[in-house]
Amino acid sequence: MITNSELHHILIKHIIEKGFAPSNQLLSNHFKTDIKSVEKALFKLQDYHGVALHPNKAKVWVIHPFSLAPTNFYIKSDKGEWWGNCAWCSLGVAALLKTNLTISTTIGAEGRPVTITIADGKIKEQNLYIHFPIPMKNAWDNVIYTCSTMLFFENEDQIDDWTKKHDISKGDVQPINKIWEFSKEWYGNHLNPNWEKWTIQEAKQLFNEFGLENEIWQLEDSKERF
């Protein structure tokens, strides 16, 4: 039987090395099993919140922090190029890769282009903020939408204008460096062959540890993984 940890590891490793997810045939060959078993394992990993698949199809769309479809977060290093799902995920890619890189994006997914440089573990552009409009307890209701709304801004006035213009409720606002440090912990273990999703209790503890105390970060007790 293919475990969630085994499948997650080969997916992440292949994406880091190649820039795209392995085919189901390649996974079938790797695990020495049939395609149906691979598809079953992918749906199981999705139920575990380890991936988001294309609708009604066993094909990886998102495996955090990576997106396999184009997004507003283009990440480039000497080792390769990738898409992140959101501002948080793009920092997560950097935390996972542990290498110098750039993140190309735009302010609020509509404003001026911004390039964020991370070198020697430090962010050069410190004067940016990330807006988190979707409550974390609802993040997995539609995780693609949730990620699409986590964007970079230059100040809170921009966020106020953006939320009014798009009729999206204002959520929590955090400085980029705080989420960068948080991302190192949140995503730092994603390449571990024994990776497991955070439990709700573990996620709560990490949020508290990094001072993420706004109601947006509140989670309801559950046996599901976050």
Protein backbone atom coordinates (compact mmCIF):
# COMPACT_ATOMS: atom_id res chain seq x y z
CA MET A 1 0.00 0.00 0.00
CA ILE A 2 1.25 3.49 -0.86
CA THR A 3 1.38 5.66 2.25
CA ASN A 4 0.62 9.38 2.33
CA SER A 5 4.19 10.12 3.42
CA GLU A 6 5.76 8.08 0.60
CA LEU A 7 3.56 9.62 -2.07
CA HIS A 8 3.98 13.15 -0.75
CA HIS A 9 7.76 12.75 -0.68
CA ILE A 10 8.15 11.61 -4.29
CA LEU A 11 5.76 14.32 -5.50
CA ILE A 12 7.61 17.14 -3.71
CA LYS A 13 11.04 15.77 -4.64
CA HIS A 14 10.12 15.45 -8.33
CA ILE A 15 8.62 18.95 -8.45
CA ILE A 16 11.73 20.46 -6.88
CA GLU A 17 14.02 18.62 -9.30
CA LYS A 18 11.94 18.86 -12.49
CA GLY A 19 9.51 21.73 -11.97
CA PHE A 20 6.42 19.58 -12.53
CA ALA A 21 4.69 16.59 -10.94
CA PRO A 22 5.48 13.00 -11.94
CA SER A 23 2.95 11.28 -14.17
CA ASN A 24 0.75 8.57 -12.72
CA GLN A 25 2.60 6.10 -14.93
CA LEU A 26 5.91 7.14 -13.40
CA LEU A 27 4.38 6.79 -9.94
CA SER A 28 3.06 3.38 -10.91
CA ASN A 29 6.55 2.29 -11.97
CA HIS A 30 8.15 3.76 -8.84
CA PHE A 31 5.79 2.00 -6.44
CA LYS A 32 5.61 -1.16 -8.58
CA THR A 33 1.84 -1.10 -8.63
CA ASP A 34 -1.00 -0.44 -11.06
CA ILE A 35 -2.41 2.94 -12.10
CA LYS A 36 -5.65 2.36 -10.17
CA SER A 37 -3.68 1.99 -6.94
CA VAL A 38 -1.82 5.23 -7.68
CA GLU A 39 -5.08 7.07 -8.34
CA LYS A 40 -6.57 5.69 -5.13
CA ALA A 41 -3.49 6.86 -3.21
CA LEU A 42 -3.75 10.36 -4.72
CA PHE A 43 -7.39 10.69 -3.68
CA LYS A 44 -6.45 9.44 -0.23
CA LEU A 45 -3.69 12.07 0.00
CA GLN A 46 -6.21 14.71 -1.02
CA ASP A 47 -8.58 13.61 1.76
CA TYR A 48 -5.60 14.05 4.11
CA HIS A 49 -5.19 17.63 2.80
CA GLY A 50 -1.81 16.70 1.35
CA VAL A 51 -2.69 17.70 -2.23
CA ALA A 52 -5.47 19.34 -4.21
CA LEU A 53 -6.31 17.41 -7.37
CA HIS A 54 -8.01 18.54 -10.55
CA PRO A 55 -11.81 18.14 -10.23
CA ASN A 56 -12.81 14.49 -10.61
CA LYS A 57 -9.35 13.56 -11.84
CA ALA A 58 -6.33 12.01 -10.11
CA LYS A 59 -3.92 14.68 -11.28
CA VAL A 60 -2.08 17.03 -8.92
CA TRP A 61 -3.06 20.69 -9.16
CA VAL A 62 -1.58 21.89 -5.87
CA ILE A 63 0.79 20.33 -3.37
CA HIS A 64 1.62 23.05 -0.90
CA PRO A 65 3.63 25.15 -1.21
CA PHE A 66 3.78 24.46 -4.98
CA SER A 67 1.19 25.07 -7.68
CA LEU A 68 1.35 23.04 -10.89
CA ALA A 69 -0.68 25.70 -12.71
CA PRO A 70 0.39 29.30 -13.40
CA THR A 71 -0.12 31.76 -10.55
CA ASN A 72 0.83 35.30 -9.60
CA PHE A 73 3.90 33.97 -7.73
CA TYR A 74 6.81 32.97 -9.94
CA ILE A 75 9.85 31.66 -8.08
CA LYS A 76 13.28 31.36 -9.65
CA SER A 77 16.66 30.16 -8.41
CA ASP A 78 19.78 28.62 -9.91
CA LYS A 79 18.16 25.23 -9.20
CA GLY A 80 14.93 25.78 -11.11
CA GLU A 81 11.65 27.63 -11.49
CA TRP A 82 8.28 27.06 -9.83
CA TRP A 83 4.92 28.63 -9.04
CA GLY A 84 3.76 29.27 -5.50
CA ASN A 85 0.06 29.34 -4.65
CA CYS A 86 0.10 32.56 -2.66
CA ALA A 87 2.31 34.97 -0.76
CA TRP A 88 2.61 32.54 2.16
CA CYS A 89 3.28 29.56 -0.12
CA SER A 90 5.90 31.42 -2.14
CA LEU A 91 7.80 32.07 1.08
CA GLY A 92 7.21 28.40 1.90
CA VAL A 93 8.93 27.36 -1.33
CA ALA A 94 11.91 29.49 -0.34
CA ALA A 95 11.92 27.96 3.14
CA LEU A 96 11.80 24.46 1.68
CA LEU A 97 14.50 25.01 -0.95
CA LYS A 98 16.91 26.80 1.41
CA THR A 99 18.62 28.59 -1.46
CA ASN A 100 18.92 32.10 -2.86
CA LEU A 101 15.96 32.96 -5.08
CA THR A 102 13.53 35.60 -6.28
CA ILE A 103 9.74 35.75 -6.10
CA SER A 104 8.10 37.76 -8.89
CA THR A 105 4.57 38.95 -8.17
CA THR A 106 2.36 42.04 -8.24
CA ILE A 107 0.85 44.14 -5.49
CA GLY A 108 -2.65 42.82 -4.78
CA ALA A 109 -2.48 40.73 -7.99
CA GLU A 110 -3.23 43.91 -9.93
CA GLY A 111 -0.72 46.61 -8.99
CA ARG A 112 2.90 47.24 -9.75
CA PRO A 113 5.30 44.33 -10.29
CA VAL A 114 7.43 43.40 -7.31
CA THR A 115 10.49 41.17 -7.09
CA ILE A 116 11.27 39.79 -3.66
CA THR A 117 14.86 38.66 -3.19
CA ILE A 118 15.82 36.09 -0.57
CA ALA A 119 19.56 35.68 -0.10
CA ASP A 120 21.44 33.89 2.67
CA GLY A 121 18.15 33.21 4.42
CA LYS A 122 17.11 36.87 4.59
CA ILE A 123 14.50 38.90 2.72
CA LYS A 124 15.80 42.12 1.21
CA GLU A 125 12.38 43.75 0.71
CA GLN A 126 11.21 44.21 4.30
CA ASN A 127 8.52 46.83 3.61
CA LEU A 128 5.81 44.45 2.39
CA TYR A 129 2.77 42.94 4.08
CA ILE A 130 0.63 39.86 3.49
CA HIS A 131 -3.15 40.00 3.74
CA PHE A 132 -5.00 36.89 4.98
CA PRO A 133 -8.73 37.45 4.29
CA ILE A 134 -10.05 33.89 4.65
CA PRO A 135 -10.47 32.39 8.15
CA MET A 136 -8.14 29.42 8.53
CA LYS A 137 -11.02 27.27 9.77
CA ASN A 138 -12.51 27.67 6.27
CA ALA A 139 -9.25 27.43 4.33
CA TRP A 140 -9.90 23.95 2.96
CA ASP A 141 -13.50 24.67 1.94
CA ASN A 142 -11.95 25.93 -1.32
CA VAL A 143 -8.20 25.93 -0.83
CA ILE A 144 -7.49 27.21 -4.36
CA TYR A 145 -9.56 30.33 -3.70
CA THR A 146 -8.12 30.71 -0.22
CA CYS A 147 -4.58 30.74 -1.58
CA SER A 148 -5.46 33.09 -4.44
CA THR A 149 -6.43 35.81 -1.95
CA MET A 150 -3.24 35.75 0.15
CA LEU A 151 -1.39 38.60 -1.52
CA PHE A 152 1.43 41.08 -0.99
CA PHE A 153 0.76 44.76 -0.31
CA GLU A 154 2.89 47.78 0.55
CA ASN A 155 0.71 49.18 3.33
CA GLU A 156 -2.61 48.77 5.08
CA ASP A 157 -4.27 51.59 3.13
CA GLN A 158 -3.76 49.55 -0.05
CA ILE A 159 -5.41 46.59 1.64
CA ASP A 160 -8.39 48.71 2.74
CA ASP A 161 -8.86 50.01 -0.81
CA TRP A 162 -8.43 46.53 -2.30
CA THR A 163 -10.98 44.87 -0.01
CA LYS A 164 -13.58 47.57 -0.71
CA LYS A 165 -13.01 47.43 -4.46
CA HIS A 166 -13.39 43.64 -4.61
CA ASP A 167 -15.99 43.23 -1.83
CA ILE A 168 -13.71 40.87 0.09
CA SER A 169 -13.70 41.12 3.87
CA LYS A 170 -10.53 42.44 5.44
CA GLY A 171 -8.69 39.81 7.42
CA ASP A 172 -5.34 39.75 9.18
CA VAL A 173 -2.32 41.74 8.00
CA GLN A 174 1.19 40.52 8.77
CA PRO A 175 4.66 41.85 7.86
CA ILE A 176 6.52 39.76 5.32
CA ASN A 177 9.43 38.92 7.60
CA LYS A 178 7.16 37.50 10.30
CA ILE A 179 5.52 35.15 7.80
CA TRP A 180 8.95 34.30 6.39
CA GLU A 181 10.10 33.08 9.80
CA PHE A 182 6.79 31.26 10.29
CA SER A 183 7.10 29.62 6.85
CA LYS A 184 10.47 28.15 7.77
CA GLU A 185 8.78 26.18 10.53
CA TRP A 186 5.52 25.47 8.69
CA TYR A 187 7.08 24.18 5.46
CA GLY A 188 10.56 23.20 6.63
CA ASN A 189 9.62 19.52 7.01
CA HIS A 190 7.80 19.07 3.70
CA LEU A 191 10.66 17.19 2.03
CA ASN A 192 11.00 14.75 4.92
CA PRO A 193 10.21 11.17 3.77
CA ASN A 194 8.28 10.77 7.03
CA TRP A 195 6.26 13.97 6.54
CA GLU A 196 2.84 14.21 8.15
CA LYS A 197 0.28 17.00 7.94
CA TRP A 198 -0.04 19.23 10.99
CA THR A 199 -2.82 18.22 13.33
CA ILE A 200 -5.27 20.96 14.28
CA GLN A 201 -3.68 21.16 17.72
CA GLU A 202 -0.17 21.41 16.26
CA ALA A 203 -1.31 24.15 13.89
CA LYS A 204 -2.86 26.08 16.78
CA GLN A 205 0.37 25.83 18.74
CA LEU A 206 2.44 27.11 15.81
CA PHE A 207 0.06 30.01 15.21
CA ASN A 208 0.38 30.99 18.88
CA GLU A 209 4.15 30.53 18.86
CA PHE A 210 4.52 33.05 16.04
CA GLY A 211 2.02 35.51 17.46
CA LEU A 212 -0.71 34.86 14.89
CA GLU A 213 -3.55 35.71 17.25
CA ASN A 214 -6.09 37.45 15.02
CA GLU A 215 -9.45 35.66 14.77
CA ILE A 216 -8.53 34.72 11.19
CA TRP A 217 -6.11 32.15 12.63
CA GLN A 218 -8.58 30.51 15.00
CA LEU A 219 -9.26 26.83 14.34
CA GLU A 220 -12.05 24.63 15.59
CA ASP A 221 -11.14 21.37 17.30
CA SER A 222 -11.18 18.50 14.82
CA LYS A 223 -9.53 15.17 14.11
CA GLU A 224 -8.78 16.32 10.55
CA ARG A 225 -5.35 17.51 9.51
CA PHE A 226 -4.74 21.13 8.60
